[in-house]
Amino acid sequence: MLTLEQIKDIRLKAYLPRVITDQSVTTYLGSAENISYSLYTLFPNTTTWVYYHSNSSADFVERYTILNGVLEIDRDGQKLILQRGDVIDVNECAGVVTCNAESHVEILFEMTSSKFEKNFSERGIIQRDAKQIQEVDGYTYHHCSRIRDYSLELWKRMRPGRQGVAILSMGSYFHDIGKLAIPLEILNKTGKLTDDEWKVIKMHTTLGAEMMSNHPIERIRKAAFIVEEHHERYDGKGYPYGLVGSQISIEASIVSVVDAFDAMTTKRVYRKAMTTEEAIQEMKDGKGTQFHPEVVDEFLAMLEDKQNKWI
């Protein structure tokens, strides 16, 4: 295992490959005895998740050791504070562990080399695609991060097991990727959309699903159904297919609720933001019609636990 002194020495080398996201920087450090090492730096006031990979072999290694800073984690509903020297071993995680960093936190990330190479490469591709969204529509970029964060928290409450969380993470983050194909003059129009313009906007679900289905990363391809369904309504009046009730996946139903609430409470080019109280009432009014009733109930309970704070 690399010592802290070795890490401090090699992290200074400018040629080290990195993946920088909106929440973290992952810097590759090196490999030894089939274990790869990287420095994982979380930015202040950010959240990440750790969960066991069901397809991993018995000798699979994935560990996170706190080097600097303080990390608050939520594991099985229990909140714990991790400090320098504390370890999260993924093989011991029964479900999804939420990790919150209020300040910079540096973590030594260890993973079986064969898995690490794929993981590191995929992170770079995902960030490349996220930057494409940012270049087209900065609002959508930050909106997508919030939808992912709250969708995963809601998933933890409704489906506490780890199965499916990786797919939900990708589907929620890229739910609006189809907007890359929508003309900016329509996407950013301040006035009322014409019927033809509204038809174009609605195409972002099927266009996005097509983009996802042809993506080089398997978990993104598997998440295409979330992108396609996230504007379906529980009463069948949504789009693109008019699915009803249980015909809509629970993943898409979660994204639909979180997406709608975030859209209501943030300022858009064509309207001002609602207050949290107004948006909560809208969610209650849409329960069982626009939104899956079980998802709305759990979402409102989650908001209450957060003292109705929405960041």
C-alpha atoms as a PDB file:
ATOM      1  CA  MET A   1       0.000   0.000   0.000  1.00  0.00           C
ATOM      2  CA  LEU A   2       1.251   3.519  -0.792  1.00  0.00           C
ATOM      3  CA  THR A   3       2.304   5.603   2.188  1.00  0.00           C
ATOM      4  CA  LEU A   4       1.055   9.146   2.752  1.00  0.00           C
ATOM      5  CA  GLU A   5       4.572  10.460   2.047  1.00  0.00           C
ATOM      6  CA  GLN A   6       4.648   8.662  -1.321  1.00  0.00           C
ATOM      7  CA  ILE A   7       1.257  10.130  -2.219  1.00  0.00           C
ATOM      8  CA  LYS A   8       2.382  13.663  -1.370  1.00  0.00           C
ATOM      9  CA  ASP A   9       5.459  13.166  -3.537  1.00  0.00           C
ATOM     10  CA  ILE A  10       3.870  11.794  -6.703  1.00  0.00           C
ATOM     11  CA  ARG A  11       0.740  13.977  -6.665  1.00  0.00           C
ATOM     12  CA  LEU A  12       2.967  16.972  -7.455  1.00  0.00           C
ATOM     13  CA  LYS A  13       3.920  15.573 -10.869  1.00  0.00           C
ATOM     14  CA  ALA A  14       2.053  17.528 -13.544  1.00  0.00           C
ATOM     15  CA  TYR A  15       1.750  14.618 -15.947  1.00  0.00           C
ATOM     16  CA  LEU A  16      -0.517  12.585 -13.696  1.00  0.00           C
ATOM     17  CA  PRO A  17      -3.843  11.927 -15.486  1.00  0.00           C
ATOM     18  CA  ARG A  18      -6.891  13.467 -13.847  1.00  0.00           C
ATOM     19  CA  VAL A  19     -10.636  13.452 -14.171  1.00  0.00           C
ATOM     20  CA  ILE A  20     -12.267  16.669 -12.951  1.00  0.00           C
ATOM     21  CA  THR A  21     -16.028  16.772 -12.387  1.00  0.00           C
ATOM     22  CA  ASP A  22     -18.355  19.344 -10.859  1.00  0.00           C
ATOM     23  CA  GLN A  23     -17.893  17.642  -7.480  1.00  0.00           C
ATOM     24  CA  SER A  24     -14.431  16.112  -7.409  1.00  0.00           C
ATOM     25  CA  VAL A  25     -10.978  15.584  -8.894  1.00  0.00           C
ATOM     26  CA  THR A  26      -9.632  12.058  -9.348  1.00  0.00           C
ATOM     27  CA  THR A  27      -5.833  11.951  -9.870  1.00  0.00           C
ATOM     28  CA  TYR A  28      -4.238   8.659 -10.896  1.00  0.00           C
ATOM     29  CA  LEU A  29      -1.247   7.804  -8.689  1.00  0.00           C
ATOM     30  CA  GLY A  30      -0.022   4.420  -9.880  1.00  0.00           C
ATOM     31  CA  SER A  31      -0.389   0.651  -9.534  1.00  0.00           C
ATOM     32  CA  ALA A  32       1.288  -2.110  -7.536  1.00  0.00           C
ATOM     33  CA  GLU A  33       0.478  -5.827  -7.122  1.00  0.00           C
ATOM     34  CA  ASN A  34      -2.738  -5.559  -9.164  1.00  0.00           C
ATOM     35  CA  ILE A  35      -4.051  -2.634  -7.094  1.00  0.00           C
ATOM     36  CA  SER A  36      -4.400   0.855  -8.613  1.00  0.00           C
ATOM     37  CA  TYR A  37      -4.295   4.003  -6.510  1.00  0.00           C
ATOM     38  CA  SER A  38      -5.717   7.465  -7.048  1.00  0.00           C
ATOM     39  CA  LEU A  39      -6.211  10.602  -5.006  1.00  0.00           C
ATOM     40  CA  TYR A  40      -9.906  11.438  -4.803  1.00  0.00           C
ATOM     41  CA  THR A  41     -10.510  15.077  -3.790  1.00  0.00           C
ATOM     42  CA  LEU A  42     -14.060  16.134  -2.952  1.00  0.00           C
ATOM     43  CA  PHE A  43     -14.934  19.817  -3.278  1.00  0.00           C
ATOM     44  CA  PRO A  44     -16.670  21.623  -0.374  1.00  0.00           C
ATOM     45  CA  ASN A  45     -20.434  21.131  -0.004  1.00  0.00           C
ATOM     46  CA  THR A  46     -20.601  18.161  -2.369  1.00  0.00           C
ATOM     47  CA  THR A  47     -22.007  14.654  -2.187  1.00  0.00           C
ATOM     48  CA  THR A  48     -20.889  11.331  -3.613  1.00  0.00           C
ATOM     49  CA  TRP A  49     -21.974   7.715  -3.194  1.00  0.00           C
ATOM     50  CA  VAL A  50     -20.274   4.394  -2.524  1.00  0.00           C
ATOM     51  CA  TYR A  51     -21.933   1.047  -3.209  1.00  0.00           C
ATOM     52  CA  TYR A  52     -20.989  -2.575  -3.742  1.00  0.00           C
ATOM     53  CA  HIS A  53     -20.822  -3.832  -7.341  1.00  0.00           C
ATOM     54  CA  SER A  54     -22.793  -7.077  -7.549  1.00  0.00           C
ATOM     55  CA  ASN A  55     -20.754  -8.313 -10.523  1.00  0.00           C
ATOM     56  CA  SER A  56     -17.459  -8.048  -8.660  1.00  0.00           C
ATOM     57  CA  SER A  57     -15.397 -11.143  -7.930  1.00  0.00           C
ATOM     58  CA  ALA A  58     -14.588 -12.385  -4.439  1.00  0.00           C
ATOM     59  CA  ASP A  59     -11.083 -10.871  -4.547  1.00  0.00           C
ATOM     60  CA  PHE A  60     -12.287  -7.468  -5.790  1.00  0.00           C
ATOM     61  CA  VAL A  61     -10.810  -4.515  -3.888  1.00  0.00           C
ATOM     62  CA  GLU A  62     -12.351  -1.060  -3.542  1.00  0.00           C
ATOM     63  CA  ARG A  63     -11.403   1.017  -0.520  1.00  0.00           C
ATOM     64  CA  TYR A  64     -11.552   4.706   0.418  1.00  0.00           C
ATOM     65  CA  THR A  65      -9.180   5.945   3.135  1.00  0.00           C
ATOM     66  CA  ILE A  66      -9.576   9.482   4.489  1.00  0.00           C
ATOM     67  CA  LEU A  67      -6.257  11.367   4.223  1.00  0.00           C
ATOM     68  CA  ASN A  68      -7.361  14.895   5.079  1.00  0.00           C
ATOM     69  CA  GLY A  69     -10.626  16.537   6.062  1.00  0.00           C
ATOM     70  CA  VAL A  70     -13.852  15.271   7.586  1.00  0.00           C
ATOM     71  CA  LEU A  71     -16.449  13.202   5.733  1.00  0.00           C
ATOM     72  CA  GLU A  72     -20.001  12.662   6.964  1.00  0.00           C
ATOM     73  CA  ILE A  73     -21.546   9.432   5.736  1.00  0.00           C
ATOM     74  CA  ASP A  74     -25.058   7.993   5.888  1.00  0.00           C
ATOM     75  CA  ARG A  75     -24.990   4.194   5.971  1.00  0.00           C
ATOM     76  CA  ASP A  76     -28.229   2.290   6.538  1.00  0.00           C
ATOM     77  CA  GLY A  77     -29.807   5.410   8.030  1.00  0.00           C
ATOM     78  CA  GLN A  78     -26.962   5.849  10.506  1.00  0.00           C
ATOM     79  CA  LYS A  79     -24.869   9.023  10.243  1.00  0.00           C
ATOM     80  CA  LEU A  80     -21.161   8.671  10.968  1.00  0.00           C
ATOM     81  CA  ILE A  81     -18.208  11.085  10.908  1.00  0.00           C
ATOM     82  CA  LEU A  82     -15.038   9.803   9.241  1.00  0.00           C
ATOM     83  CA  GLN A  83     -11.665  11.454   9.776  1.00  0.00           C
ATOM     84  CA  ARG A  84      -8.028  10.893   8.818  1.00  0.00           C
ATOM     85  CA  GLY A  85      -7.236   7.167   8.719  1.00  0.00           C
ATOM     86  CA  ASP A  86     -10.855   5.959   8.620  1.00  0.00           C
ATOM     87  CA  VAL A  87     -11.738   3.543   5.804  1.00  0.00           C
ATOM     88  CA  ILE A  88     -14.811   2.694   3.732  1.00  0.00           C
ATOM     89  CA  ASP A  89     -14.478  -0.848   2.366  1.00  0.00           C
ATOM     90  CA  VAL A  90     -16.991  -1.348  -0.451  1.00  0.00           C
ATOM     91  CA  ASN A  91     -17.103  -5.117   0.161  1.00  0.00           C
ATOM     92  CA  GLU A  92     -18.647  -4.351   3.552  1.00  0.00           C
ATOM     93  CA  CYS A  93     -21.368  -2.073   2.158  1.00  0.00           C
ATOM     94  CA  ALA A  94     -24.787  -3.734   2.158  1.00  0.00           C
ATOM     95  CA  GLY A  95     -26.482  -0.785   0.462  1.00  0.00           C
ATOM     96  CA  VAL A  96     -25.686   2.694  -0.805  1.00  0.00           C
ATOM     97  CA  VAL A  97     -23.487   4.927   1.360  1.00  0.00           C
ATOM     98  CA  THR A  98     -23.994   8.686   0.979  1.00  0.00           C
ATOM     99  CA  CYS A  99     -20.845  10.753   1.571  1.00  0.00           C
ATOM    100  CA  ASN A 100     -21.091  14.498   2.304  1.00  0.00           C
ATOM    101  CA  ALA A 101     -18.104  16.841   2.332  1.00  0.00           C
ATOM    102  CA  GLU A 102     -18.595  20.276   3.901  1.00  0.00           C
ATOM    103  CA  SER A 103     -14.975  21.226   3.131  1.00  0.00           C
ATOM    104  CA  HIS A 104     -12.188  19.804   0.947  1.00  0.00           C
ATOM    105  CA  VAL A 105     -11.679  16.117   1.678  1.00  0.00           C
ATOM    106  CA  GLU A 106      -8.764  14.088   0.300  1.00  0.00           C
ATOM    107  CA  ILE A 107      -9.265  10.337  -0.016  1.00  0.00           C
ATOM    108  CA  LEU A 108      -6.925   7.540  -1.090  1.00  0.00           C
ATOM    109  CA  PHE A 109      -8.897   5.413  -3.548  1.00  0.00           C
ATOM    110  CA  GLU A 110      -7.749   1.802  -4.054  1.00  0.00           C
ATOM    111  CA  MET A 111      -9.265  -0.533  -6.637  1.00  0.00           C
ATOM    112  CA  THR A 112      -8.395  -3.765  -8.412  1.00  0.00           C
ATOM    113  CA  SER A 113      -6.371  -2.596 -11.425  1.00  0.00           C
ATOM    114  CA  SER A 114      -8.469  -4.276 -14.126  1.00  0.00           C
ATOM    115  CA  LYS A 115     -11.623  -2.599 -12.787  1.00  0.00           C
ATOM    116  CA  PHE A 116      -9.885   0.711 -12.113  1.00  0.00           C
ATOM    117  CA  GLU A 117      -8.794   1.206 -15.719  1.00  0.00           C
ATOM    118  CA  LYS A 118     -12.383   0.861 -16.913  1.00  0.00           C
ATOM    119  CA  ASN A 119     -13.704   3.037 -14.080  1.00  0.00           C
ATOM    120  CA  PHE A 120     -11.186   5.830 -14.709  1.00  0.00           C
ATOM    121  CA  SER A 121     -11.763   5.777 -18.463  1.00  0.00           C
ATOM    122  CA  GLU A 122     -15.545   5.897 -18.043  1.00  0.00           C
ATOM    123  CA  ARG A 123     -15.322   8.845 -15.638  1.00  0.00           C
ATOM    124  CA  GLY A 124     -13.461  10.786 -18.312  1.00  0.00           C
ATOM    125  CA  ILE A 125     -16.073   9.996 -20.974  1.00  0.00           C
ATOM    126  CA  ILE A 126     -18.938  10.927 -18.657  1.00  0.00           C
ATOM    127  CA  GLN A 127     -17.303  14.246 -17.823  1.00  0.00           C
ATOM    128  CA  ARG A 128     -16.717  14.938 -21.525  1.00  0.00           C
ATOM    129  CA  ASP A 129     -20.424  14.483 -22.196  1.00  0.00           C
ATOM    130  CA  ALA A 130     -21.357  16.617 -19.185  1.00  0.00           C
ATOM    131  CA  LYS A 131     -19.179  19.439 -20.503  1.00  0.00           C
ATOM    132  CA  GLN A 132     -20.998  19.276 -23.825  1.00  0.00           C
ATOM    133  CA  ILE A 133     -24.249  19.914 -21.968  1.00  0.00           C
ATOM    134  CA  GLN A 134     -22.657  22.770 -20.027  1.00  0.00           C
ATOM    135  CA  GLU A 135     -21.437  24.432 -23.223  1.00  0.00           C
ATOM    136  CA  VAL A 136     -24.932  24.347 -24.687  1.00  0.00           C
ATOM    137  CA  ASP A 137     -26.970  25.146 -21.594  1.00  0.00           C
ATOM    138  CA  GLY A 138     -25.336  25.982 -18.266  1.00  0.00           C
ATOM    139  CA  TYR A 139     -28.681  25.773 -16.471  1.00  0.00           C
ATOM    140  CA  THR A 140     -29.241  22.220 -17.686  1.00  0.00           C
ATOM    141  CA  TYR A 141     -25.746  21.192 -16.547  1.00  0.00           C
ATOM    142  CA  HIS A 142     -26.258  22.274 -12.926  1.00  0.00           C
ATOM    143  CA  HIS A 143     -29.877  21.137 -13.026  1.00  0.00           C
ATOM    144  CA  CYS A 144     -28.714  17.638 -14.029  1.00  0.00           C
ATOM    145  CA  SER A 145     -26.340  17.436 -11.066  1.00  0.00           C
ATOM    146  CA  ARG A 146     -29.127  18.353  -8.649  1.00  0.00           C
ATOM    147  CA  ILE A 147     -31.509  15.826 -10.210  1.00  0.00           C
ATOM    148  CA  ARG A 148     -28.925  13.062  -9.817  1.00  0.00           C
ATOM    149  CA  ASP A 149     -28.181  13.975  -6.192  1.00  0.00           C
ATOM    150  CA  TYR A 150     -31.799  14.057  -5.049  1.00  0.00           C
ATOM    151  CA  SER A 151     -32.879  11.091  -7.175  1.00  0.00           C
ATOM    152  CA  LEU A 152     -30.269   8.885  -5.523  1.00  0.00           C
ATOM    153  CA  GLU A 153     -31.299  10.048  -2.067  1.00  0.00           C
ATOM    154  CA  LEU A 154     -34.929   9.293  -2.878  1.00  0.00           C
ATOM    155  CA  TRP A 155     -33.942   5.891  -4.288  1.00  0.00           C
ATOM    156  CA  LYS A 156     -32.167   5.075  -1.020  1.00  0.00           C
ATOM    157  CA  ARG A 157     -35.365   5.742   0.885  1.00  0.00           C
ATOM    158  CA  MET A 158     -37.612   3.767  -1.458  1.00  0.00           C
ATOM    159  CA  ARG A 159     -35.278   0.992  -2.624  1.00  0.00           C
ATOM    160  CA  PRO A 160     -32.600   0.659   0.074  1.00  0.00           C
ATOM    161  CA  GLY A 161     -30.708  -2.110  -1.753  1.00  0.00           C
ATOM    162  CA  ARG A 162     -27.816  -1.345  -4.084  1.00  0.00           C
ATOM    163  CA  GLN A 163     -29.366  -2.958  -7.171  1.00  0.00           C
ATOM    164  CA  GLY A 164     -29.995  -0.446  -9.946  1.00  0.00           C
ATOM    165  CA  VAL A 165     -28.362   2.573  -8.331  1.00  0.00           C
ATOM    166  CA  ALA A 166     -25.638   2.903 -11.007  1.00  0.00           C
ATOM    167  CA  ILE A 167     -28.257   2.982 -13.763  1.00  0.00           C
ATOM    168  CA  LEU A 168     -30.379   5.542 -11.888  1.00  0.00           C
ATOM    169  CA  SER A 169     -27.292   7.697 -11.393  1.00  0.00           C
ATOM    170  CA  MET A 170     -26.676   7.841 -15.140  1.00  0.00           C
ATOM    171  CA  GLY A 171     -30.334   8.160 -16.147  1.00  0.00           C
ATOM    172  CA  SER A 172     -31.000  11.007 -13.721  1.00  0.00           C
ATOM    173  CA  TYR A 173     -27.790  12.864 -14.563  1.00  0.00           C
ATOM    174  CA  PHE A 174     -28.333  12.659 -18.325  1.00  0.00           C
ATOM    175  CA  HIS A 175     -32.139  12.859 -18.308  1.00  0.00           C
ATOM    176  CA  ASP A 176     -32.044  16.048 -20.418  1.00  0.00           C
ATOM    177  CA  ILE A 177     -29.198  15.042 -22.742  1.00  0.00           C
ATOM    178  CA  GLY A 178     -31.631  15.143 -25.675  1.00  0.00           C
ATOM    179  CA  LYS A 179     -31.740  18.946 -25.331  1.00  0.00           C
ATOM    180  CA  LEU A 180     -28.334  18.973 -27.027  1.00  0.00           C
ATOM    181  CA  ALA A 181     -30.284  18.329 -30.236  1.00  0.00           C
ATOM    182  CA  ILE A 182     -32.844  21.112 -29.637  1.00  0.00           C
ATOM    183  CA  PRO A 183     -32.170  24.475 -31.350  1.00  0.00           C
ATOM    184  CA  LEU A 184     -31.031  27.069 -28.797  1.00  0.00           C
ATOM    185  CA  GLU A 185     -33.527  29.642 -30.062  1.00  0.00           C
ATOM    186  CA  ILE A 186     -36.295  27.267 -28.959  1.00  0.00           C
ATOM    187  CA  LEU A 187     -34.586  25.977 -25.814  1.00  0.00           C
ATOM    188  CA  ASN A 188     -33.888  29.478 -24.479  1.00  0.00           C
ATOM    189  CA  LYS A 189     -36.965  31.273 -25.808  1.00  0.00           C
ATOM    190  CA  THR A 190     -38.309  33.764 -23.276  1.00  0.00           C
ATOM    191  CA  GLY A 191     -41.816  33.981 -24.715  1.00  0.00           C
ATOM    192  CA  LYS A 192     -44.545  31.393 -25.098  1.00  0.00           C
ATOM    193  CA  LEU A 193     -43.692  28.444 -27.316  1.00  0.00           C
ATOM    194  CA  THR A 194     -45.725  27.810 -30.440  1.00  0.00           C
ATOM    195  CA  ASP A 195     -47.357  24.416 -30.917  1.00  0.00           C
ATOM    196  CA  ASP A 196     -44.612  23.420 -33.361  1.00  0.00           C
ATOM    197  CA  GLU A 197     -41.874  24.575 -30.980  1.00  0.00           C
ATOM    198  CA  TRP A 198     -43.444  22.609 -28.131  1.00  0.00           C
ATOM    199  CA  LYS A 199     -43.434  19.487 -30.332  1.00  0.00           C
ATOM    200  CA  VAL A 200     -39.700  19.991 -30.896  1.00  0.00           C
ATOM    201  CA  ILE A 201     -39.036  20.418 -27.158  1.00  0.00           C
ATOM    202  CA  LYS A 202     -40.886  17.190 -26.381  1.00  0.00           C
ATOM    203  CA  MET A 203     -38.617  15.323 -28.779  1.00  0.00           C
ATOM    204  CA  HIS A 204     -35.745  15.624 -26.267  1.00  0.00           C
ATOM    205  CA  THR A 205     -36.967  12.457 -24.496  1.00  0.00           C
ATOM    206  CA  THR A 206     -36.737  10.179 -27.526  1.00  0.00           C
ATOM    207  CA  LEU A 207     -33.670  11.926 -28.926  1.00  0.00           C
ATOM    208  CA  GLY A 208     -31.960  11.588 -25.551  1.00  0.00           C
ATOM    209  CA  ALA A 209     -32.878   7.911 -25.275  1.00  0.00           C
ATOM    210  CA  GLU A 210     -31.381   7.323 -28.712  1.00  0.00           C
ATOM    211  CA  MET A 211     -28.146   9.047 -27.669  1.00  0.00           C
ATOM    212  CA  MET A 212     -27.996   6.949 -24.513  1.00  0.00           C
ATOM    213  CA  SER A 213     -28.748   3.698 -26.356  1.00  0.00           C
ATOM    214  CA  ASN A 214     -25.747   4.275 -28.628  1.00  0.00           C
ATOM    215  CA  HIS A 215     -23.337   5.316 -25.870  1.00  0.00           C
ATOM    216  CA  PRO A 216     -20.036   3.417 -25.422  1.00  0.00           C
ATOM    217  CA  ILE A 217     -20.617   2.946 -21.670  1.00  0.00           C
ATOM    218  CA  GLU A 218     -22.894   0.022 -20.813  1.00  0.00           C
ATOM    219  CA  ARG A 219     -24.538   1.514 -17.705  1.00  0.00           C
ATOM    220  CA  ILE A 220     -25.465   4.605 -19.728  1.00  0.00           C
ATOM    221  CA  ARG A 221     -26.992   2.455 -22.469  1.00  0.00           C
ATOM    222  CA  LYS A 222     -29.013   0.620 -19.822  1.00  0.00           C
ATOM    223  CA  ALA A 223     -30.313   3.941 -18.456  1.00  0.00           C
ATOM    224  CA  ALA A 224     -31.897   5.036 -21.765  1.00  0.00           C
ATOM    225  CA  PHE A 225     -35.384   4.048 -20.580  1.00  0.00           C
ATOM    226  CA  ILE A 226     -35.227   6.632 -17.766  1.00  0.00           C
ATOM    227  CA  VAL A 227     -34.456   9.412 -20.246  1.00  0.00           C
ATOM    228  CA  GLU A 228     -37.289   8.267 -22.502  1.00  0.00           C
ATOM    229  CA  GLU A 229     -39.901   8.011 -19.731  1.00  0.00           C
ATOM    230  CA  HIS A 230     -39.132  10.915 -17.390  1.00  0.00           C
ATOM    231  CA  HIS A 231     -41.940  13.097 -18.830  1.00  0.00           C
ATOM    232  CA  GLU A 232     -44.598  10.392 -18.708  1.00  0.00           C
ATOM    233  CA  ARG A 233     -47.462  11.090 -16.276  1.00  0.00           C
ATOM    234  CA  TYR A 234     -49.052   8.692 -13.822  1.00  0.00           C
ATOM    235  CA  ASP A 235     -52.502   9.402 -15.357  1.00  0.00           C
ATOM    236  CA  GLY A 236     -51.312   8.640 -18.900  1.00  0.00           C
ATOM    237  CA  LYS A 237     -51.311  12.251 -20.152  1.00  0.00           C
ATOM    238  CA  GLY A 238     -47.548  12.546 -20.480  1.00  0.00           C
ATOM    239  CA  TYR A 239     -45.179  12.013 -23.381  1.00  0.00           C
ATOM    240  CA  PRO A 240     -43.810  10.486 -25.555  1.00  0.00           C
ATOM    241  CA  TYR A 241     -46.013   7.353 -25.259  1.00  0.00           C
ATOM    242  CA  GLY A 242     -48.781   8.146 -22.774  1.00  0.00           C
ATOM    243  CA  LEU A 243     -47.753   5.375 -20.355  1.00  0.00           C
ATOM    244  CA  VAL A 244     -50.010   4.878 -17.314  1.00  0.00           C
ATOM    245  CA  GLY A 245     -49.243   4.056 -13.673  1.00  0.00           C
ATOM    246  CA  SER A 246     -47.014   1.009 -13.265  1.00  0.00           C
ATOM    247  CA  GLN A 247     -46.157   1.060 -16.974  1.00  0.00           C
ATOM    248  CA  ILE A 248     -43.732   3.832 -16.021  1.00  0.00           C
ATOM    249  CA  SER A 249     -40.540   2.593 -14.355  1.00  0.00           C
ATOM    250  CA  ILE A 250     -39.996   3.572 -10.726  1.00  0.00           C
ATOM    251  CA  GLU A 251     -36.664   5.102 -11.785  1.00  0.00           C
ATOM    252  CA  ALA A 252     -38.341   7.440 -14.264  1.00  0.00           C
ATOM    253  CA  SER A 253     -41.085   8.224 -11.726  1.00  0.00           C
ATOM    254  CA  ILE A 254     -38.424   9.316  -9.231  1.00  0.00           C
ATOM    255  CA  VAL A 255     -36.660  11.498 -11.789  1.00  0.00           C
ATOM    256  CA  SER A 256     -40.009  12.991 -12.849  1.00  0.00           C
ATOM    257  CA  VAL A 257     -40.817  14.148  -9.312  1.00  0.00           C
ATOM    258  CA  VAL A 258     -37.352  15.516  -8.555  1.00  0.00           C
ATOM    259  CA  ASP A 259     -37.078  17.144 -11.989  1.00  0.00           C
ATOM    260  CA  ALA A 260     -40.433  18.896 -11.648  1.00  0.00           C
ATOM    261  CA  PHE A 261     -39.697  20.217  -8.168  1.00  0.00           C
ATOM    262  CA  ASP A 262     -36.290  21.541  -9.203  1.00  0.00           C
ATOM    263  CA  ALA A 263     -37.783  23.212 -12.282  1.00  0.00           C
ATOM    264  CA  MET A 264     -40.460  24.874 -10.144  1.00  0.00           C
ATOM    265  CA  THR A 265     -38.022  26.240  -7.562  1.00  0.00           C
ATOM    266  CA  THR A 266     -35.353  27.609  -9.916  1.00  0.00           C
ATOM    267  CA  LYS A 267     -35.535  30.685 -12.114  1.00  0.00           C
ATOM    268  CA  ARG A 268     -35.960  30.028 -15.822  1.00  0.00           C
ATOM    269  CA  VAL A 269     -35.615  32.335 -18.821  1.00  0.00           C
ATOM    270  CA  TYR A 270     -39.398  32.459 -19.185  1.00  0.00           C
ATOM    271  CA  ARG A 271     -40.570  32.701 -15.540  1.00  0.00           C
ATOM    272  CA  LYS A 272     -39.503  33.345 -11.955  1.00  0.00           C
ATOM    273  CA  ALA A 273     -38.987  30.607  -9.387  1.00  0.00           C
ATOM    274  CA  MET A 274     -41.743  29.405  -7.077  1.00  0.00           C
ATOM    275  CA  THR A 275     -41.228  29.391  -3.334  1.00  0.00           C
ATOM    276  CA  THR A 276     -40.574  26.015  -1.729  1.00  0.00           C
ATOM    277  CA  GLU A 277     -44.026  26.130  -0.140  1.00  0.00           C
ATOM    278  CA  GLU A 278     -45.715  26.802  -3.475  1.00  0.00           C
ATOM    279  CA  ALA A 279     -43.807  23.950  -5.131  1.00  0.00           C
ATOM    280  CA  ILE A 280     -44.711  21.546  -2.328  1.00  0.00           C
ATOM    281  CA  GLN A 281     -48.390  22.364  -2.843  1.00  0.00           C
ATOM    282  CA  GLU A 282     -47.976  21.724  -6.579  1.00  0.00           C
ATOM    283  CA  MET A 283     -46.509  18.310  -5.802  1.00  0.00           C
ATOM    284  CA  LYS A 284     -49.443  17.501  -3.513  1.00  0.00           C
ATOM    285  CA  ASP A 285     -51.912  18.665  -6.165  1.00  0.00           C
ATOM    286  CA  GLY A 286     -50.210  16.458  -8.770  1.00  0.00           C
ATOM    287  CA  LYS A 287     -50.101  13.332  -6.618  1.00  0.00           C
ATOM    288  CA  GLY A 288     -51.793  10.448  -8.421  1.00  0.00           C
ATOM    289  CA  THR A 289     -52.297  12.455 -11.616  1.00  0.00           C
ATOM    290  CA  GLN A 290     -48.999  13.851 -12.844  1.00  0.00           C
ATOM    291  CA  PHE A 291     -46.853  12.038 -10.290  1.00  0.00           C
ATOM    292  CA  HIS A 292     -46.546   8.542  -8.828  1.00  0.00           C
ATOM    293  CA  PRO A 293     -48.264   8.845  -5.406  1.00  0.00           C
ATOM    294  CA  GLU A 294     -45.732   6.697  -3.499  1.00  0.00           C
ATOM    295  CA  VAL A 295     -42.845   8.705  -4.914  1.00  0.00           C
ATOM    296  CA  VAL A 296     -44.493  12.030  -3.991  1.00  0.00           C
ATOM    297  CA  ASP A 297     -45.110  10.868  -0.406  1.00  0.00           C
ATOM    298  CA  GLU A 298     -41.508   9.753   0.041  1.00  0.00           C
ATOM    299  CA  PHE A 299     -40.163  12.864  -1.652  1.00  0.00           C
ATOM    300  CA  LEU A 300     -42.126  15.176   0.644  1.00  0.00           C
ATOM    301  CA  ALA A 301     -40.975  13.149   3.662  1.00  0.00           C
ATOM    302  CA  MET A 302     -37.377  13.553   2.442  1.00  0.00           C
ATOM    303  CA  LEU A 303     -37.869  17.304   2.079  1.00  0.00           C
ATOM    304  CA  GLU A 304     -39.281  17.483   5.588  1.00  0.00           C
ATOM    305  CA  ASP A 305     -36.226  15.642   6.921  1.00  0.00           C
ATOM    306  CA  LYS A 306     -34.086  18.262   5.163  1.00  0.00           C
ATOM    307  CA  GLN A 307     -36.190  21.038   6.726  1.00  0.00           C
ATOM    308  CA  ASN A 308     -37.462  21.921   3.246  1.00  0.00           C
ATOM    309  CA  LYS A 309     -34.011  23.083   2.152  1.00  0.00           C
ATOM    310  CA  TRP A 310     -33.361  22.698  -1.564  1.00  0.00           C
ATOM    311  CA  ILE A 311     -29.930  23.516  -2.916  1.00  0.00           C
END
